[in-house]
Amino acid sequence: MEINEKLFIGDVVEMRKAHPCGGTLWEVVRVGADIGLLCQKCGRRVLLPRRKFAHQAKRFVRRGVDATSDAGANSL
């Protein structure tokens, strides 16, 4: 299963593989061709290509502020 939903800065995702520190929760800090992620346990910052991110992401834990405001705009 892949995540195909639109990404926003501030989204928190659970990844399939744990980081060496043991954390599986990551916050999206950059969106573009590469996805910037910040480990919620140790604070390490990494860049993943969008395709690799979509394959390794398991689920959204929390959506960013822009995701909730974007959903409201589409319902008009």
N, C-alpha and C. Protein backbone atom coordinates (compact mmCIF):
# COMPACT_ATOMS: atom_id res chain seq x y z
N MET A 1 0.84 -1.18 0.00
CA MET A 1 0.00 0.00 0.00
C MET A 1 0.88 1.24 0.00
N GLU A 2 0.54 2.21 -0.81
CA GLU A 2 1.30 3.46 -0.89
C GLU A 2 0.41 4.63 -0.51
N ILE A 3 1.02 5.66 0.05
CA ILE A 3 0.30 6.89 0.35
C ILE A 3 0.29 7.75 -0.91
N ASN A 4 -0.89 8.03 -1.42
CA ASN A 4 -1.02 8.82 -2.64
C ASN A 4 -1.69 10.16 -2.36
N GLU A 5 -1.98 10.47 -1.11
CA GLU A 5 -2.63 11.72 -0.76
C GLU A 5 -1.64 12.88 -0.84
N LYS A 6 -2.19 14.08 -0.97
CA LYS A 6 -1.37 15.29 -1.02
C LYS A 6 -0.67 15.48 0.33
N LEU A 7 0.60 15.88 0.29
CA LEU A 7 1.39 16.09 1.50
C LEU A 7 1.44 17.57 1.85
N PHE A 8 1.47 17.85 3.14
CA PHE A 8 1.59 19.21 3.63
C PHE A 8 2.66 19.26 4.71
N ILE A 9 3.30 20.41 4.83
CA ILE A 9 4.27 20.61 5.90
C ILE A 9 3.53 20.52 7.23
N GLY A 10 4.09 19.77 8.16
CA GLY A 10 3.47 19.58 9.46
C GLY A 10 2.76 18.24 9.60
N ASP A 11 2.58 17.50 8.49
CA ASP A 11 2.00 16.16 8.58
C ASP A 11 2.96 15.26 9.36
N VAL A 12 2.41 14.37 10.17
CA VAL A 12 3.22 13.39 10.89
C VAL A 12 2.82 12.02 10.33
N VAL A 13 3.83 11.28 9.86
CA VAL A 13 3.58 9.97 9.26
C VAL A 13 4.35 8.88 10.00
N GLU A 14 3.80 7.68 9.96
CA GLU A 14 4.48 6.51 10.50
C GLU A 14 5.09 5.77 9.33
N MET A 15 6.37 5.46 9.45
CA MET A 15 7.08 4.77 8.38
C MET A 15 7.13 3.27 8.69
N ARG A 16 7.32 2.47 7.63
CA ARG A 16 7.36 1.01 7.79
C ARG A 16 8.59 0.54 8.56
N LYS A 17 9.75 1.13 8.26
CA LYS A 17 11.00 0.74 8.92
C LYS A 17 11.34 1.77 9.99
N ALA A 18 11.84 1.28 11.10
CA ALA A 18 12.25 2.17 12.19
C ALA A 18 13.60 2.82 11.87
N HIS A 19 13.78 4.03 12.33
CA HIS A 19 15.05 4.74 12.25
C HIS A 19 16.02 4.04 13.21
N PRO A 20 17.32 4.13 13.02
CA PRO A 20 18.27 3.49 13.95
C PRO A 20 18.07 3.88 15.42
N CYS A 21 17.48 5.05 15.67
CA CYS A 21 17.22 5.46 17.06
C CYS A 21 15.99 4.75 17.63
N GLY A 22 15.24 4.08 16.76
CA GLY A 22 14.05 3.35 17.21
C GLY A 22 12.74 4.05 16.90
N GLY A 23 12.80 5.28 16.41
CA GLY A 23 11.59 6.04 16.12
C GLY A 23 10.98 5.67 14.77
N THR A 24 9.65 5.67 14.71
CA THR A 24 8.95 5.40 13.45
C THR A 24 8.09 6.58 13.03
N LEU A 25 7.99 7.61 13.85
CA LEU A 25 7.18 8.78 13.53
C LEU A 25 8.05 9.90 12.98
N TRP A 26 7.62 10.47 11.86
CA TRP A 26 8.37 11.51 11.17
C TRP A 26 7.45 12.67 10.84
N GLU A 27 7.96 13.90 10.96
CA GLU A 27 7.21 15.09 10.58
C GLU A 27 7.72 15.58 9.22
N VAL A 28 6.78 15.92 8.33
CA VAL A 28 7.14 16.44 7.02
C VAL A 28 7.54 17.90 7.18
N VAL A 29 8.78 18.23 6.77
CA VAL A 29 9.28 19.60 6.89
C VAL A 29 9.59 20.22 5.54
N ARG A 30 9.54 19.43 4.46
CA ARG A 30 9.80 19.95 3.12
C ARG A 30 9.02 19.11 2.13
N VAL A 31 8.36 19.77 1.18
CA VAL A 31 7.59 19.06 0.16
C VAL A 31 8.07 19.55 -1.20
N GLY A 32 8.40 18.63 -2.06
CA GLY A 32 8.87 18.95 -3.41
C GLY A 32 9.20 17.64 -4.11
N ALA A 33 10.22 17.64 -4.95
CA ALA A 33 10.66 16.41 -5.59
C ALA A 33 11.16 15.44 -4.53
N ASP A 34 11.81 15.98 -3.50
CA ASP A 34 12.23 15.21 -2.34
C ASP A 34 11.37 15.63 -1.16
N ILE A 35 11.11 14.68 -0.27
CA ILE A 35 10.34 14.95 0.93
C ILE A 35 11.30 15.05 2.11
N GLY A 36 11.29 16.18 2.81
CA GLY A 36 12.13 16.37 3.99
C GLY A 36 11.39 15.87 5.22
N LEU A 37 12.05 15.05 6.01
CA LEU A 37 11.44 14.46 7.20
C LEU A 37 12.29 14.73 8.43
N LEU A 38 11.63 14.91 9.56
CA LEU A 38 12.29 15.15 10.84
C LEU A 38 11.85 14.05 11.80
N CYS A 39 12.81 13.26 12.31
CA CYS A 39 12.51 12.18 13.25
C CYS A 39 11.95 12.78 14.54
N GLN A 40 10.84 12.27 15.00
CA GLN A 40 10.20 12.79 16.20
C GLN A 40 10.89 12.32 17.47
N LYS A 41 11.75 11.32 17.37
CA LYS A 41 12.44 10.81 18.56
C LYS A 41 13.81 11.47 18.77
N CYS A 42 14.63 11.52 17.71
CA CYS A 42 16.00 12.03 17.89
C CYS A 42 16.25 13.37 17.21
N GLY A 43 15.34 13.82 16.34
CA GLY A 43 15.50 15.11 15.69
C GLY A 43 16.33 15.09 14.42
N ARG A 44 16.74 13.92 13.95
CA ARG A 44 17.52 13.81 12.71
C ARG A 44 16.65 14.22 11.53
N ARG A 45 17.26 14.91 10.58
CA ARG A 45 16.55 15.37 9.40
C ARG A 45 17.07 14.60 8.18
N VAL A 46 16.16 14.07 7.36
CA VAL A 46 16.56 13.32 6.17
C VAL A 46 15.71 13.76 4.98
N LEU A 47 16.23 13.49 3.78
CA LEU A 47 15.50 13.73 2.54
C LEU A 47 15.27 12.39 1.84
N LEU A 48 14.04 12.15 1.40
CA LEU A 48 13.72 10.95 0.64
C LEU A 48 13.10 11.36 -0.68
N PRO A 49 13.45 10.68 -1.76
CA PRO A 49 12.74 10.93 -3.01
C PRO A 49 11.25 10.64 -2.82
N ARG A 50 10.40 11.40 -3.48
CA ARG A 50 8.95 11.27 -3.31
C ARG A 50 8.47 9.83 -3.51
N ARG A 51 8.98 9.15 -4.51
CA ARG A 51 8.56 7.77 -4.81
C ARG A 51 8.90 6.82 -3.67
N LYS A 52 10.12 6.95 -3.12
CA LYS A 52 10.55 6.10 -2.01
C LYS A 52 9.73 6.40 -0.76
N PHE A 53 9.45 7.69 -0.52
CA PHE A 53 8.63 8.06 0.63
C PHE A 53 7.24 7.44 0.52
N ALA A 54 6.61 7.54 -0.66
CA ALA A 54 5.26 7.01 -0.85
C ALA A 54 5.21 5.50 -0.59
N HIS A 55 6.28 4.80 -0.94
CA HIS A 55 6.31 3.36 -0.73
C HIS A 55 6.56 2.99 0.73
N GLN A 56 7.40 3.76 1.44
CA GLN A 56 7.78 3.41 2.80
C GLN A 56 6.83 3.95 3.87
N ALA A 57 6.01 4.94 3.53
CA ALA A 57 5.08 5.51 4.52
C ALA A 57 3.95 4.53 4.78
N LYS A 58 3.61 4.37 6.04
CA LYS A 58 2.58 3.42 6.42
C LYS A 58 1.21 4.10 6.57
N ARG A 59 1.18 5.21 7.33
CA ARG A 59 -0.10 5.91 7.54
C ARG A 59 0.16 7.30 8.08
N PHE A 60 -0.85 8.16 7.96
CA PHE A 60 -0.79 9.48 8.57
C PHE A 60 -1.20 9.35 10.03
N VAL A 61 -0.39 9.91 10.91
CA VAL A 61 -0.73 9.94 12.33
C VAL A 61 -1.48 11.23 12.63
N ARG A 62 -1.00 12.34 12.05
CA ARG A 62 -1.63 13.65 12.24
C ARG A 62 -1.43 14.45 10.97
N ARG A 63 -2.46 15.16 10.54
CA ARG A 63 -2.35 16.00 9.36
C ARG A 63 -1.94 17.41 9.77
N GLY A 64 -1.21 18.08 8.88
CA GLY A 64 -0.77 19.45 9.13
C GLY A 64 -1.92 20.43 9.05
N VAL A 65 -1.67 21.67 9.43
CA VAL A 65 -2.69 22.71 9.44
C VAL A 65 -3.23 22.96 8.03
N ASP A 66 -2.35 22.96 7.03
CA ASP A 66 -2.77 23.22 5.64
C ASP A 66 -3.71 22.13 5.13
N ALA A 67 -3.57 20.90 5.60
CA ALA A 67 -4.42 19.81 5.12
C ALA A 67 -5.86 20.03 5.53
N THR A 68 -6.09 20.51 6.73
CA THR A 68 -7.46 20.72 7.19
C THR A 68 -8.08 21.93 6.52
N SER A 69 -7.31 22.98 6.28
CA SER A 69 -7.87 24.16 5.60
C SER A 69 -8.09 23.88 4.12
N ASP A 70 -7.27 23.04 3.50
CA ASP A 70 -7.43 22.68 2.09
C ASP A 70 -8.68 21.84 1.90
N ALA A 71 -9.00 20.96 2.84
CA ALA A 71 -10.19 20.12 2.72
C ALA A 71 -11.45 20.97 2.77
N GLY A 72 -11.45 22.01 3.58
CA GLY A 72 -12.61 22.90 3.66
C GLY A 72 -12.80 23.71 2.39
N ALA A 73 -11.71 24.09 1.73
CA ALA A 73 -11.80 24.88 0.51
C ALA A 73 -12.38 24.08 -0.64
N ASN A 74 -12.13 22.77 -0.65
CA ASN A 74 -12.63 21.93 -1.74
C ASN A 74 -14.12 21.65 -1.63
N SER A 75 -14.70 21.84 -0.45
CA SER A 75 -16.11 21.54 -0.27
C SER A 75 -17.02 22.67 -0.71
N LEU A 76 -16.47 23.83 -1.09
CA LEU A 76 -17.31 24.96 -1.51
C LEU A 76 -17.84 24.79 -2.89
